């Protein structure tokens, strides 16, 4: 694990889960009470909370619903080269929803839709 609780990166590994919420504080109370998770605010943002499981391992984040619709959950998969993977997605019947975007001090992400409309996130350190 690195200093942020992230596991070693291997191609295709699940590295982050985003749970969308109308009220991230209510989500925080729900999951911390039921599952013993802990949370911390992401940067200066008061509307995005990272969550860690009961062992302290980073699991994902609670995001405001304005980023996604009700019931939305996005699983982020590690890829070594986001741009190459986006090209593959398009070749195999998926589509790019959000192109490579920086996460300051962390890496990059993109979002795709599989051929059935499921939204998946891609994450890379570079």
Protein backbone atom coordinates (compact mmCIF):
# COMPACT_ATOMS: atom_id res chain seq x y z
CA UNK A 1 0.00 0.00 0.00
CA UNK A 2 1.15 3.52 -0.68
CA UNK A 3 0.78 6.55 1.59
CA UNK A 4 -2.84 7.02 0.46
CA UNK A 5 -3.79 3.41 1.21
CA UNK A 6 -3.78 2.41 -2.46
CA UNK A 7 -2.81 -1.17 -3.37
CA UNK A 8 -0.03 -1.88 -5.89
CA UNK A 9 -1.31 -0.99 -9.36
CA UNK A 10 -1.97 -3.84 -11.76
CA UNK A 11 -3.79 -3.52 -15.08
CA UNK A 12 -7.56 -3.85 -14.62
CA UNK A 13 -7.52 -3.78 -10.80
CA UNK A 14 -10.42 -2.05 -9.05
CA UNK A 15 -8.83 1.00 -7.43
CA UNK A 16 -11.74 3.28 -6.48
CA UNK A 17 -15.53 3.23 -6.12
CA UNK A 18 -17.62 6.38 -6.25
CA UNK A 19 -21.00 6.33 -4.52
CA UNK A 20 -23.29 9.21 -5.51
CA UNK A 21 -25.36 10.90 -2.86
CA UNK A 22 -27.87 13.72 -2.46
CA UNK A 23 -26.28 14.36 0.94
CA UNK A 24 -22.69 13.20 1.42
CA UNK A 25 -22.92 13.86 5.17
CA UNK A 26 -25.91 11.51 5.47
CA UNK A 27 -24.02 8.90 3.42
CA UNK A 28 -21.04 9.35 5.74
CA UNK A 29 -23.22 8.73 8.81
CA UNK A 30 -24.90 5.70 7.21
CA UNK A 31 -21.73 3.87 6.13
CA UNK A 32 -19.56 4.77 9.12
CA UNK A 33 -22.26 3.54 11.49
CA UNK A 34 -23.09 0.33 9.61
CA UNK A 35 -19.64 -0.73 8.45
CA UNK A 36 -17.11 1.07 10.63
CA UNK A 37 -15.76 3.11 7.70
CA UNK A 38 -13.84 6.32 8.29
CA UNK A 39 -13.91 9.37 6.05
CA UNK A 40 -11.90 12.45 5.21
CA UNK A 41 -12.64 15.49 3.10
CA UNK A 42 -10.92 15.65 -0.30
CA UNK A 43 -8.78 18.80 -0.43
CA UNK A 44 -10.71 21.98 0.22
CA UNK A 45 -13.95 20.43 -0.95
CA UNK A 46 -16.72 20.06 1.57
CA UNK A 47 -18.83 18.05 -0.86
CA UNK A 48 -16.53 15.11 -1.63
CA UNK A 49 -15.58 12.60 1.04
CA UNK A 50 -13.05 9.80 0.67
CA UNK A 51 -13.98 6.65 2.58
CA UNK A 52 -11.72 4.01 4.08
CA UNK A 53 -12.81 0.55 5.21
CA UNK A 54 -12.45 -0.57 8.81
CA UNK A 55 -8.81 -1.55 8.16
CA UNK A 56 -8.03 1.98 6.92
CA UNK A 57 -7.71 0.96 3.26
CA UNK A 58 -8.99 3.59 0.82
CA UNK A 59 -12.18 2.37 -0.81
CA UNK A 60 -13.56 5.30 -2.73
CA UNK A 61 -15.55 8.44 -2.30
CA UNK A 62 -18.98 9.91 -1.77
CA UNK A 63 -19.73 12.33 -4.61
CA UNK A 64 -22.59 14.80 -4.94
CA UNK A 65 -25.43 13.66 -7.21
CA UNK A 66 -24.87 16.57 -9.59
CA UNK A 67 -21.98 14.51 -11.00
CA UNK A 68 -24.20 11.52 -11.77
CA UNK A 69 -27.81 10.38 -11.59
CA UNK A 70 -29.64 8.64 -8.76
CA UNK A 71 -28.39 5.14 -8.00
CA UNK A 72 -25.14 5.82 -9.76
CA UNK A 73 -21.98 4.03 -8.74
CA UNK A 74 -18.77 4.16 -10.73
CA UNK A 75 -16.04 1.58 -10.32
CA UNK A 76 -12.58 2.82 -11.36
CA UNK A 77 -10.14 0.37 -12.93
CA UNK A 78 -6.39 0.93 -13.13
CA UNK A 79 -4.86 1.18 -16.61
CA UNK A 80 -1.27 1.99 -17.44
CA UNK A 81 -2.18 4.17 -20.45
CA UNK A 82 -5.59 5.89 -20.42
CA UNK A 83 -5.36 7.23 -23.97
CA UNK A 84 -4.51 3.81 -25.42
CA UNK A 85 -7.31 2.19 -23.41
CA UNK A 86 -9.83 4.81 -24.60
CA UNK A 87 -8.93 3.92 -28.21
CA UNK A 88 -9.54 0.23 -27.41
CA UNK A 89 -12.89 1.02 -25.79
CA UNK A 90 -14.10 2.72 -28.96
CA UNK A 91 -12.85 -0.22 -31.09
CA UNK A 92 -14.84 -2.71 -29.00
CA UNK A 93 -18.24 -1.03 -28.98
CA UNK A 94 -17.91 1.22 -25.95
CA UNK A 95 -17.67 4.99 -25.93
CA UNK A 96 -15.71 7.66 -24.13
CA UNK A 97 -17.82 9.77 -21.78
CA UNK A 98 -15.05 11.88 -20.30
CA UNK A 99 -11.55 12.06 -21.75
CA UNK A 100 -8.30 11.93 -19.77
CA UNK A 101 -8.62 14.44 -16.92
CA UNK A 102 -5.99 15.33 -14.30
CA UNK A 103 -6.46 14.71 -10.58
CA UNK A 104 -3.91 17.14 -9.11
CA UNK A 105 -1.21 15.36 -7.13
CA UNK A 106 -2.73 11.91 -7.77
CA UNK A 107 -2.96 10.95 -11.44
CA UNK A 108 -5.58 10.97 -14.19
CA UNK A 109 -9.04 9.58 -14.81
CA UNK A 110 -11.48 9.10 -17.68
CA UNK A 111 -14.97 7.61 -17.84
CA UNK A 112 -16.37 5.26 -20.44
CA UNK A 113 -19.62 3.47 -21.22
CA UNK A 114 -19.49 -0.21 -22.06
CA UNK A 115 -21.65 -1.50 -24.97
CA UNK A 116 -24.58 -1.87 -22.55
CA UNK A 117 -24.39 1.66 -21.13
CA UNK A 118 -22.65 0.86 -17.84
CA UNK A 119 -20.33 3.67 -16.76
CA UNK A 120 -16.79 2.64 -15.78
CA UNK A 121 -13.95 4.86 -14.64
CA UNK A 122 -10.33 4.46 -15.69
CA UNK A 123 -7.46 5.61 -13.47
CA UNK A 124 -3.74 6.00 -14.21
CA UNK A 125 -0.79 7.52 -12.40
CA UNK A 126 0.47 9.07 -15.64
